[in-house]
């Protein structure tokens, strides 16, 4: 009976460690990313990054590629047709 308990504890500890090093690490990574949205400083940082990207795109001659232009145009036409 003692041997069964030891083996069970060993397996349980191995499974727990495996979980912590694989799934747990990914969960911690996503949790840190979500904390950016929860703090005022994190939201302001994200806003500033968006502003910087918009400024960069305004300096470019063409913001959209030709393929993107076609996709957006057809999407808008489809929405217009559905609204009529």
N, C-alpha and C. Protein backbone atom coordinates (compact mmCIF):
# COMPACT_ATOMS: atom_id res chain seq x y z
N UNK A 1 0.82 -1.19 0.00
CA UNK A 1 0.00 0.00 0.00
C UNK A 1 0.87 1.25 0.00
N UNK A 2 1.99 1.20 0.74
CA UNK A 2 2.89 2.34 0.78
C UNK A 2 3.45 2.64 -0.61
N UNK A 3 3.79 1.61 -1.31
CA UNK A 3 4.36 1.77 -2.64
C UNK A 3 3.36 2.43 -3.58
N UNK A 4 2.11 2.05 -3.49
CA UNK A 4 1.06 2.66 -4.31
C UNK A 4 0.94 4.16 -4.00
N UNK A 5 0.97 4.53 -2.75
CA UNK A 5 0.87 5.95 -2.36
C UNK A 5 2.06 6.73 -2.89
N UNK A 6 3.25 6.18 -2.78
CA UNK A 6 4.44 6.86 -3.28
C UNK A 6 4.39 7.05 -4.80
N UNK A 7 3.98 6.00 -5.49
CA UNK A 7 3.87 6.10 -6.94
C UNK A 7 2.81 7.13 -7.34
N UNK A 8 1.70 7.14 -6.64
CA UNK A 8 0.63 8.08 -6.93
C UNK A 8 1.10 9.51 -6.69
N UNK A 9 1.77 9.74 -5.58
CA UNK A 9 2.31 11.08 -5.30
C UNK A 9 3.33 11.50 -6.35
N UNK A 10 4.19 10.58 -6.75
CA UNK A 10 5.19 10.87 -7.76
C UNK A 10 4.54 11.26 -9.08
N UNK A 11 3.54 10.50 -9.50
CA UNK A 11 2.83 10.79 -10.75
C UNK A 11 2.12 12.14 -10.65
N UNK A 12 1.48 12.38 -9.52
CA UNK A 12 0.76 13.64 -9.32
C UNK A 12 1.72 14.82 -9.40
N UNK A 13 2.87 14.72 -8.75
CA UNK A 13 3.85 15.80 -8.79
C UNK A 13 4.38 16.01 -10.20
N UNK A 14 4.64 14.92 -10.92
CA UNK A 14 5.12 15.04 -12.30
C UNK A 14 4.09 15.72 -13.19
N UNK A 15 2.83 15.33 -13.07
CA UNK A 15 1.77 15.95 -13.87
C UNK A 15 1.63 17.42 -13.51
N UNK A 16 1.71 17.74 -12.23
CA UNK A 16 1.61 19.13 -11.79
C UNK A 16 2.75 19.97 -12.36
N UNK A 17 3.97 19.46 -12.30
CA UNK A 17 5.12 20.19 -12.84
C UNK A 17 5.01 20.34 -14.35
N UNK A 18 4.57 19.31 -15.02
CA UNK A 18 4.39 19.39 -16.46
C UNK A 18 3.37 20.46 -16.82
N UNK A 19 2.29 20.52 -16.07
CA UNK A 19 1.26 21.54 -16.30
C UNK A 19 1.83 22.94 -16.08
N UNK A 20 2.57 23.13 -14.98
CA UNK A 20 3.11 24.45 -14.65
C UNK A 20 4.10 24.93 -15.70
N UNK A 21 4.91 24.03 -16.23
CA UNK A 21 5.93 24.43 -17.19
C UNK A 21 5.39 24.59 -18.61
N UNK A 22 4.22 24.05 -18.89
CA UNK A 22 3.67 24.18 -20.25
C UNK A 22 2.48 25.13 -20.25
N UNK A 23 1.36 24.67 -19.79
CA UNK A 23 0.13 25.45 -19.83
C UNK A 23 0.21 26.64 -18.88
N UNK A 24 0.75 26.44 -17.71
CA UNK A 24 0.85 27.51 -16.72
C UNK A 24 1.69 28.67 -17.21
N UNK A 25 2.75 28.38 -17.92
CA UNK A 25 3.61 29.44 -18.44
C UNK A 25 2.86 30.28 -19.48
N UNK A 26 2.10 29.62 -20.33
CA UNK A 26 1.31 30.36 -21.33
C UNK A 26 0.23 31.19 -20.66
N UNK A 27 -0.42 30.64 -19.65
CA UNK A 27 -1.45 31.39 -18.94
C UNK A 27 -0.87 32.63 -18.26
N UNK A 28 0.31 32.51 -17.68
CA UNK A 28 0.95 33.66 -17.06
C UNK A 28 1.29 34.73 -18.09
N UNK A 29 1.71 34.30 -19.26
CA UNK A 29 2.04 35.25 -20.34
C UNK A 29 0.79 36.04 -20.75
N UNK A 30 -0.32 35.35 -20.93
CA UNK A 30 -1.55 36.03 -21.32
C UNK A 30 -2.09 36.91 -20.19
N UNK A 31 -1.90 36.48 -18.98
CA UNK A 31 -2.35 37.26 -17.83
C UNK A 31 -1.60 38.60 -17.76
N UNK A 32 -0.31 38.57 -18.05
CA UNK A 32 0.48 39.81 -18.05
C UNK A 32 0.01 40.75 -19.14
N UNK A 33 -0.34 40.19 -20.30
CA UNK A 33 -0.83 41.03 -21.40
C UNK A 33 -2.18 41.65 -21.04
N UNK A 34 -3.02 40.91 -20.36
CA UNK A 34 -4.32 41.43 -19.96
C UNK A 34 -4.21 42.51 -18.89
N UNK A 35 -3.18 42.44 -18.08
CA UNK A 35 -2.99 43.45 -17.04
C UNK A 35 -2.71 44.81 -17.65
N UNK A 36 -2.17 44.85 -18.88
CA UNK A 36 -1.95 46.13 -19.56
C UNK A 36 -3.27 46.87 -19.75
N UNK A 37 -4.32 46.14 -20.07
CA UNK A 37 -5.62 46.76 -20.31
C UNK A 37 -6.30 47.20 -19.02
N UNK A 38 -5.92 46.62 -17.91
CA UNK A 38 -6.58 46.91 -16.65
C UNK A 38 -6.02 48.14 -15.95
N UNK A 39 -4.78 48.50 -16.23
CA UNK A 39 -4.19 49.66 -15.56
C UNK A 39 -4.31 50.89 -16.44
N UNK A 40 -4.39 52.05 -15.81
CA UNK A 40 -4.47 53.31 -16.56
C UNK A 40 -3.20 53.54 -17.36
N UNK A 41 -2.07 53.23 -16.77
CA UNK A 41 -0.79 53.42 -17.47
C UNK A 41 -0.72 52.52 -18.70
N UNK A 42 -1.18 51.29 -18.58
CA UNK A 42 -1.16 50.36 -19.71
C UNK A 42 -2.05 50.83 -20.84
N UNK A 43 -3.25 51.32 -20.50
CA UNK A 43 -4.16 51.82 -21.54
C UNK A 43 -3.57 53.04 -22.23
N UNK A 44 -2.93 53.91 -21.47
CA UNK A 44 -2.32 55.11 -22.06
C UNK A 44 -1.16 54.71 -22.97
N UNK A 45 -0.41 53.70 -22.59
CA UNK A 45 0.68 53.21 -23.43
C UNK A 45 0.13 52.67 -24.75
N UNK A 46 -0.95 51.93 -24.70
CA UNK A 46 -1.56 51.39 -25.91
C UNK A 46 -2.08 52.52 -26.79
N UNK A 47 -2.73 53.52 -26.18
CA UNK A 47 -3.21 54.67 -26.95
C UNK A 47 -2.07 55.38 -27.66
N UNK A 48 -0.95 55.54 -26.94
CA UNK A 48 0.20 56.22 -27.54
C UNK A 48 0.77 55.42 -28.70
N UNK A 49 0.80 54.11 -28.58
CA UNK A 49 1.29 53.27 -29.68
C UNK A 49 0.38 53.40 -30.89
N UNK A 50 -0.92 53.45 -30.66
CA UNK A 50 -1.87 53.60 -31.78
C UNK A 50 -1.65 54.95 -32.45
N UNK A 51 -1.48 56.01 -31.64
CA UNK A 51 -1.23 57.34 -32.21
C UNK A 51 0.04 57.34 -33.06
N UNK A 52 1.10 56.71 -32.56
CA UNK A 52 2.35 56.65 -33.31
C UNK A 52 2.18 55.92 -34.64
N UNK A 53 1.43 54.81 -34.62
CA UNK A 53 1.21 54.06 -35.86
C UNK A 53 0.39 54.88 -36.86
N UNK A 54 -0.59 55.63 -36.37
CA UNK A 54 -1.39 56.47 -37.27
C UNK A 54 -0.50 57.55 -37.88
N UNK A 55 0.37 58.14 -37.09
CA UNK A 55 1.29 59.16 -37.62
C UNK A 55 2.20 58.58 -38.69
N UNK A 56 2.70 57.36 -38.44
CA UNK A 56 3.55 56.70 -39.44
C UNK A 56 2.79 56.45 -40.74
N UNK A 57 1.54 56.00 -40.61
CA UNK A 57 0.77 55.69 -41.82
C UNK A 57 0.41 56.95 -42.59
N UNK A 58 0.24 58.08 -41.93
CA UNK A 58 -0.07 59.32 -42.63
C UNK A 58 1.11 59.83 -43.44
N UNK A 59 2.31 59.45 -43.07
CA UNK A 59 3.50 59.86 -43.81
C UNK A 59 3.67 59.05 -45.10
N UNK A 60 3.04 57.89 -45.17
CA UNK A 60 3.15 57.05 -46.36
C UNK A 60 2.30 57.61 -47.49
N UNK A 61 2.71 57.32 -48.71
CA UNK A 61 1.94 57.78 -49.86
C UNK A 61 0.64 56.98 -49.99
N UNK A 62 0.74 55.67 -49.91
CA UNK A 62 -0.43 54.80 -50.00
C UNK A 62 -0.54 54.01 -48.70
N UNK A 63 -1.67 54.15 -48.05
CA UNK A 63 -1.88 53.44 -46.79
C UNK A 63 -2.27 52.00 -47.07
N UNK A 64 -3.13 51.79 -48.05
CA UNK A 64 -3.64 50.46 -48.37
C UNK A 64 -2.98 49.91 -49.62
N UNK A 65 -2.84 48.61 -49.66
CA UNK A 65 -2.37 47.96 -50.87
C UNK A 65 -3.55 47.82 -51.84
N UNK A 66 -3.27 47.51 -53.07
CA UNK A 66 -4.35 47.39 -54.07
C UNK A 66 -5.32 46.27 -53.70
N UNK A 67 -4.82 45.19 -53.17
CA UNK A 67 -5.70 44.08 -52.76
C UNK A 67 -6.61 44.52 -51.61
N UNK A 68 -6.06 45.27 -50.65
CA UNK A 68 -6.87 45.75 -49.53
C UNK A 68 -7.95 46.72 -50.02
N UNK A 69 -7.61 47.54 -50.98
CA UNK A 69 -8.58 48.49 -51.53
C UNK A 69 -9.77 47.76 -52.15
N UNK A 70 -9.48 46.71 -52.89
CA UNK A 70 -10.54 45.94 -53.54
C UNK A 70 -11.42 45.26 -52.49
N UNK A 71 -10.79 44.67 -51.48
CA UNK A 71 -11.56 43.99 -50.43
C UNK A 71 -12.46 44.97 -49.67
N UNK A 72 -11.93 46.11 -49.31
CA UNK A 72 -12.72 47.09 -48.55
C UNK A 72 -13.86 47.63 -49.41
N UNK A 73 -13.57 47.89 -50.68
CA UNK A 73 -14.61 48.41 -51.58
C UNK A 73 -15.75 47.41 -51.72
N UNK A 74 -15.42 46.14 -51.95
CA UNK A 74 -16.47 45.13 -52.11
C UNK A 74 -17.24 44.92 -50.80
N UNK A 75 -16.56 45.03 -49.66
CA UNK A 75 -17.23 44.90 -48.37
C UNK A 75 -18.22 46.04 -48.16
N UNK A 76 -17.81 47.25 -48.47
CA UNK A 76 -18.70 48.41 -48.32
C UNK A 76 -19.89 48.30 -49.26
N UNK A 77 -19.66 47.84 -50.50
CA UNK A 77 -20.76 47.66 -51.45
C UNK A 77 -21.76 46.61 -50.93
N UNK A 78 -21.27 45.56 -50.35
CA UNK A 78 -22.14 44.52 -49.82
C UNK A 78 -22.97 45.06 -48.67
N UNK A 79 -22.36 45.83 -47.80
CA UNK A 79 -23.11 46.45 -46.69
C UNK A 79 -24.17 47.40 -47.22
N UNK A 80 -23.82 48.20 -48.22
CA UNK A 80 -24.81 49.11 -48.83
C UNK A 80 -25.99 48.35 -49.42
N UNK A 81 -25.72 47.24 -50.07
CA UNK A 81 -26.78 46.43 -50.66
C UNK A 81 -27.70 45.84 -49.59
N UNK A 82 -27.12 45.45 -48.48
CA UNK A 82 -27.94 44.87 -47.40
C UNK A 82 -28.78 45.92 -46.70
N UNK A 83 -28.30 47.16 -46.67
CA UNK A 83 -29.04 48.22 -46.00
C UNK A 83 -30.20 48.76 -46.84
N UNK A 84 -30.23 48.46 -48.09
CA UNK A 84 -31.30 48.96 -48.97
C UNK A 84 -32.51 48.11 -48.87
